[in-house]
Amino acid sequence: MRRKAEVVAAVNGGLLTIDEVLERYDLTLEEFASWQRAVDRSGMQGLRVTRIQHYRDLYERQLKY
């Protein structure tokens, strides 16, 4: 969770490009984009594998109201 957040922060801060991240960590664009969305919505806690569905449901409920 922490490393994923650091990778997202490195891209947002201009230290790494998305292409570099995808190649270095063998990620798909969709996977990295999901990390970015999770951080944007719920911070580092949104990246916890055991809590992904919880945060996704919470975000969807917030959009409804």
N, C-alpha and C. Protein backbone atom coordinates (compact mmCIF):
# COMPACT_ATOMS: atom_id res chain seq x y z
N MET A 1 0.82 -1.18 0.00
CA MET A 1 0.00 0.00 0.00
C MET A 1 0.88 1.25 0.00
N ARG A 2 1.87 1.26 0.82
CA ARG A 2 2.74 2.44 0.92
C ARG A 2 3.55 2.64 -0.36
N ARG A 3 4.05 1.55 -0.92
CA ARG A 3 4.85 1.66 -2.15
C ARG A 3 3.99 2.13 -3.32
N LYS A 4 2.76 1.64 -3.38
CA LYS A 4 1.87 2.08 -4.44
C LYS A 4 1.64 3.59 -4.33
N ALA A 5 1.41 4.06 -3.13
CA ALA A 5 1.20 5.50 -2.91
C ALA A 5 2.44 6.29 -3.30
N GLU A 6 3.61 5.75 -3.01
CA GLU A 6 4.85 6.43 -3.37
C GLU A 6 5.01 6.51 -4.89
N VAL A 7 4.63 5.45 -5.59
CA VAL A 7 4.72 5.45 -7.05
C VAL A 7 3.76 6.49 -7.62
N VAL A 8 2.54 6.53 -7.11
CA VAL A 8 1.57 7.53 -7.56
C VAL A 8 2.10 8.94 -7.29
N ALA A 9 2.67 9.15 -6.12
CA ALA A 9 3.22 10.46 -5.77
C ALA A 9 4.38 10.83 -6.68
N ALA A 10 5.20 9.85 -7.04
CA ALA A 10 6.34 10.12 -7.93
C ALA A 10 5.86 10.56 -9.31
N VAL A 11 4.81 9.95 -9.80
CA VAL A 11 4.26 10.35 -11.10
C VAL A 11 3.63 11.74 -10.98
N ASN A 12 2.84 11.95 -9.95
CA ASN A 12 2.19 13.26 -9.76
C ASN A 12 3.20 14.38 -9.57
N GLY A 13 4.33 14.05 -8.96
CA GLY A 13 5.37 15.05 -8.73
C GLY A 13 6.34 15.21 -9.88
N GLY A 14 6.18 14.42 -10.94
CA GLY A 14 7.04 14.55 -12.10
C GLY A 14 8.37 13.82 -11.99
N LEU A 15 8.55 13.01 -10.96
CA LEU A 15 9.81 12.27 -10.82
C LEU A 15 9.88 11.08 -11.76
N LEU A 16 8.73 10.50 -12.07
CA LEU A 16 8.65 9.37 -13.00
C LEU A 16 7.52 9.64 -13.99
N THR A 17 7.68 9.13 -15.20
CA THR A 17 6.59 9.21 -16.16
C THR A 17 5.73 7.95 -16.01
N ILE A 18 4.53 8.03 -16.52
CA ILE A 18 3.65 6.86 -16.47
C ILE A 18 4.28 5.71 -17.25
N ASP A 19 4.88 6.01 -18.39
CA ASP A 19 5.53 4.96 -19.18
C ASP A 19 6.64 4.26 -18.39
N GLU A 20 7.43 5.04 -17.66
CA GLU A 20 8.49 4.45 -16.83
C GLU A 20 7.91 3.54 -15.76
N VAL A 21 6.84 3.97 -15.14
CA VAL A 21 6.21 3.18 -14.08
C VAL A 21 5.65 1.88 -14.64
N LEU A 22 4.97 1.98 -15.78
CA LEU A 22 4.38 0.79 -16.37
C LEU A 22 5.44 -0.25 -16.72
N GLU A 23 6.55 0.21 -17.26
CA GLU A 23 7.63 -0.71 -17.63
C GLU A 23 8.36 -1.23 -16.39
N ARG A 24 8.72 -0.35 -15.49
CA ARG A 24 9.51 -0.73 -14.32
C ARG A 24 8.78 -1.72 -13.42
N TYR A 25 7.48 -1.50 -13.22
CA TYR A 25 6.72 -2.33 -12.30
C TYR A 25 5.80 -3.33 -13.01
N ASP A 26 5.94 -3.41 -14.33
CA ASP A 26 5.17 -4.36 -15.13
C ASP A 26 3.67 -4.23 -14.85
N LEU A 27 3.18 -3.00 -14.99
CA LEU A 27 1.77 -2.69 -14.74
C LEU A 27 1.07 -2.40 -16.05
N THR A 28 -0.25 -2.54 -16.02
CA THR A 28 -1.05 -2.05 -17.13
C THR A 28 -1.46 -0.62 -16.79
N LEU A 29 -1.84 0.11 -17.82
CA LEU A 29 -2.31 1.48 -17.59
C LEU A 29 -3.54 1.48 -16.70
N GLU A 30 -4.42 0.52 -16.89
CA GLU A 30 -5.63 0.43 -16.09
C GLU A 30 -5.30 0.20 -14.61
N GLU A 31 -4.31 -0.65 -14.35
CA GLU A 31 -3.94 -0.92 -12.96
C GLU A 31 -3.38 0.33 -12.29
N PHE A 32 -2.49 1.03 -12.98
CA PHE A 32 -1.93 2.25 -12.40
C PHE A 32 -3.03 3.30 -12.21
N ALA A 33 -3.92 3.42 -13.18
CA ALA A 33 -5.01 4.39 -13.07
C ALA A 33 -5.88 4.08 -11.86
N SER A 34 -6.08 2.79 -11.58
CA SER A 34 -6.88 2.43 -10.40
C SER A 34 -6.17 2.85 -9.12
N TRP A 35 -4.85 2.77 -9.09
CA TRP A 35 -4.08 3.25 -7.93
C TRP A 35 -4.30 4.74 -7.76
N GLN A 36 -4.21 5.48 -8.86
CA GLN A 36 -4.39 6.93 -8.78
C GLN A 36 -5.78 7.29 -8.28
N ARG A 37 -6.80 6.62 -8.80
CA ARG A 37 -8.17 6.89 -8.35
C ARG A 37 -8.33 6.59 -6.87
N ALA A 38 -7.75 5.46 -6.43
CA ALA A 38 -7.86 5.08 -5.02
C ALA A 38 -7.22 6.13 -4.11
N VAL A 39 -6.06 6.62 -4.51
CA VAL A 39 -5.38 7.64 -3.71
C VAL A 39 -6.17 8.95 -3.73
N ASP A 40 -6.68 9.32 -4.89
CA ASP A 40 -7.46 10.56 -5.00
C ASP A 40 -8.72 10.51 -4.14
N ARG A 41 -9.37 9.37 -4.12
CA ARG A 41 -10.65 9.24 -3.41
C ARG A 41 -10.47 9.05 -1.91
N SER A 42 -9.52 8.18 -1.52
CA SER A 42 -9.45 7.76 -0.12
C SER A 42 -8.07 7.86 0.50
N GLY A 43 -7.12 8.46 -0.20
CA GLY A 43 -5.77 8.53 0.32
C GLY A 43 -5.10 7.17 0.29
N MET A 44 -4.03 7.05 1.02
CA MET A 44 -3.27 5.81 1.01
C MET A 44 -4.12 4.62 1.48
N GLN A 45 -5.07 4.85 2.37
CA GLN A 45 -5.91 3.76 2.86
C GLN A 45 -6.73 3.12 1.73
N GLY A 46 -7.01 3.88 0.69
CA GLY A 46 -7.77 3.35 -0.44
C GLY A 46 -7.03 2.28 -1.21
N LEU A 47 -5.73 2.17 -0.98
CA LEU A 47 -4.92 1.17 -1.68
C LEU A 47 -4.86 -0.16 -0.94
N ARG A 48 -5.40 -0.22 0.24
CA ARG A 48 -5.37 -1.48 0.99
C ARG A 48 -6.21 -2.52 0.27
N VAL A 49 -5.60 -3.62 -0.05
CA VAL A 49 -6.27 -4.67 -0.82
C VAL A 49 -7.52 -5.16 -0.10
N THR A 50 -7.46 -5.28 1.20
CA THR A 50 -8.60 -5.80 1.96
C THR A 50 -9.72 -4.78 2.08
N ARG A 51 -9.47 -3.53 1.75
CA ARG A 51 -10.48 -2.48 1.93
C ARG A 51 -10.95 -1.87 0.61
N ILE A 52 -10.46 -2.37 -0.52
CA ILE A 52 -10.79 -1.77 -1.81
C ILE A 52 -12.29 -1.71 -2.03
N GLN A 53 -12.98 -2.82 -1.81
CA GLN A 53 -14.42 -2.83 -2.04
C GLN A 53 -15.15 -1.86 -1.09
N HIS A 54 -14.71 -1.80 0.15
CA HIS A 54 -15.32 -0.87 1.11
C HIS A 54 -15.22 0.57 0.61
N TYR A 55 -14.03 0.98 0.21
CA TYR A 55 -13.84 2.35 -0.25
C TYR A 55 -14.56 2.60 -1.56
N ARG A 56 -14.62 1.61 -2.44
CA ARG A 56 -15.34 1.75 -3.69
C ARG A 56 -16.83 1.97 -3.41
N ASP A 57 -17.40 1.17 -2.51
CA ASP A 57 -18.81 1.33 -2.15
C ASP A 57 -19.07 2.69 -1.50
N LEU A 58 -18.19 3.10 -0.63
CA LEU A 58 -18.33 4.40 0.03
C LEU A 58 -18.32 5.52 -0.99
N TYR A 59 -17.40 5.46 -1.93
CA TYR A 59 -17.31 6.50 -2.97
C TYR A 59 -18.58 6.52 -3.82
N GLU A 60 -19.08 5.36 -4.19
CA GLU A 60 -20.29 5.30 -5.01
C GLU A 60 -21.50 5.86 -4.26
N ARG A 61 -21.59 5.58 -2.95
CA ARG A 61 -22.67 6.14 -2.15
C ARG A 61 -22.58 7.67 -2.08
N GLN A 62 -21.36 8.18 -1.97
CA GLN A 62 -21.17 9.63 -1.90
C GLN A 62 -21.61 10.29 -3.20
N LEU A 63 -21.40 9.64 -4.32
CA LEU A 63 -21.79 10.20 -5.59
C LEU A 63 -23.31 10.29 -5.73
N LYS A 64 -24.02 9.39 -5.08
CA LYS A 64 -25.48 9.37 -5.18
C LYS A 64 -26.11 10.53 -4.40
N TYR A 65 -25.46 10.97 -3.33
CA TYR A 65 -26.08 11.99 -2.46
C TYR A 65 -25.48 13.33 -2.67
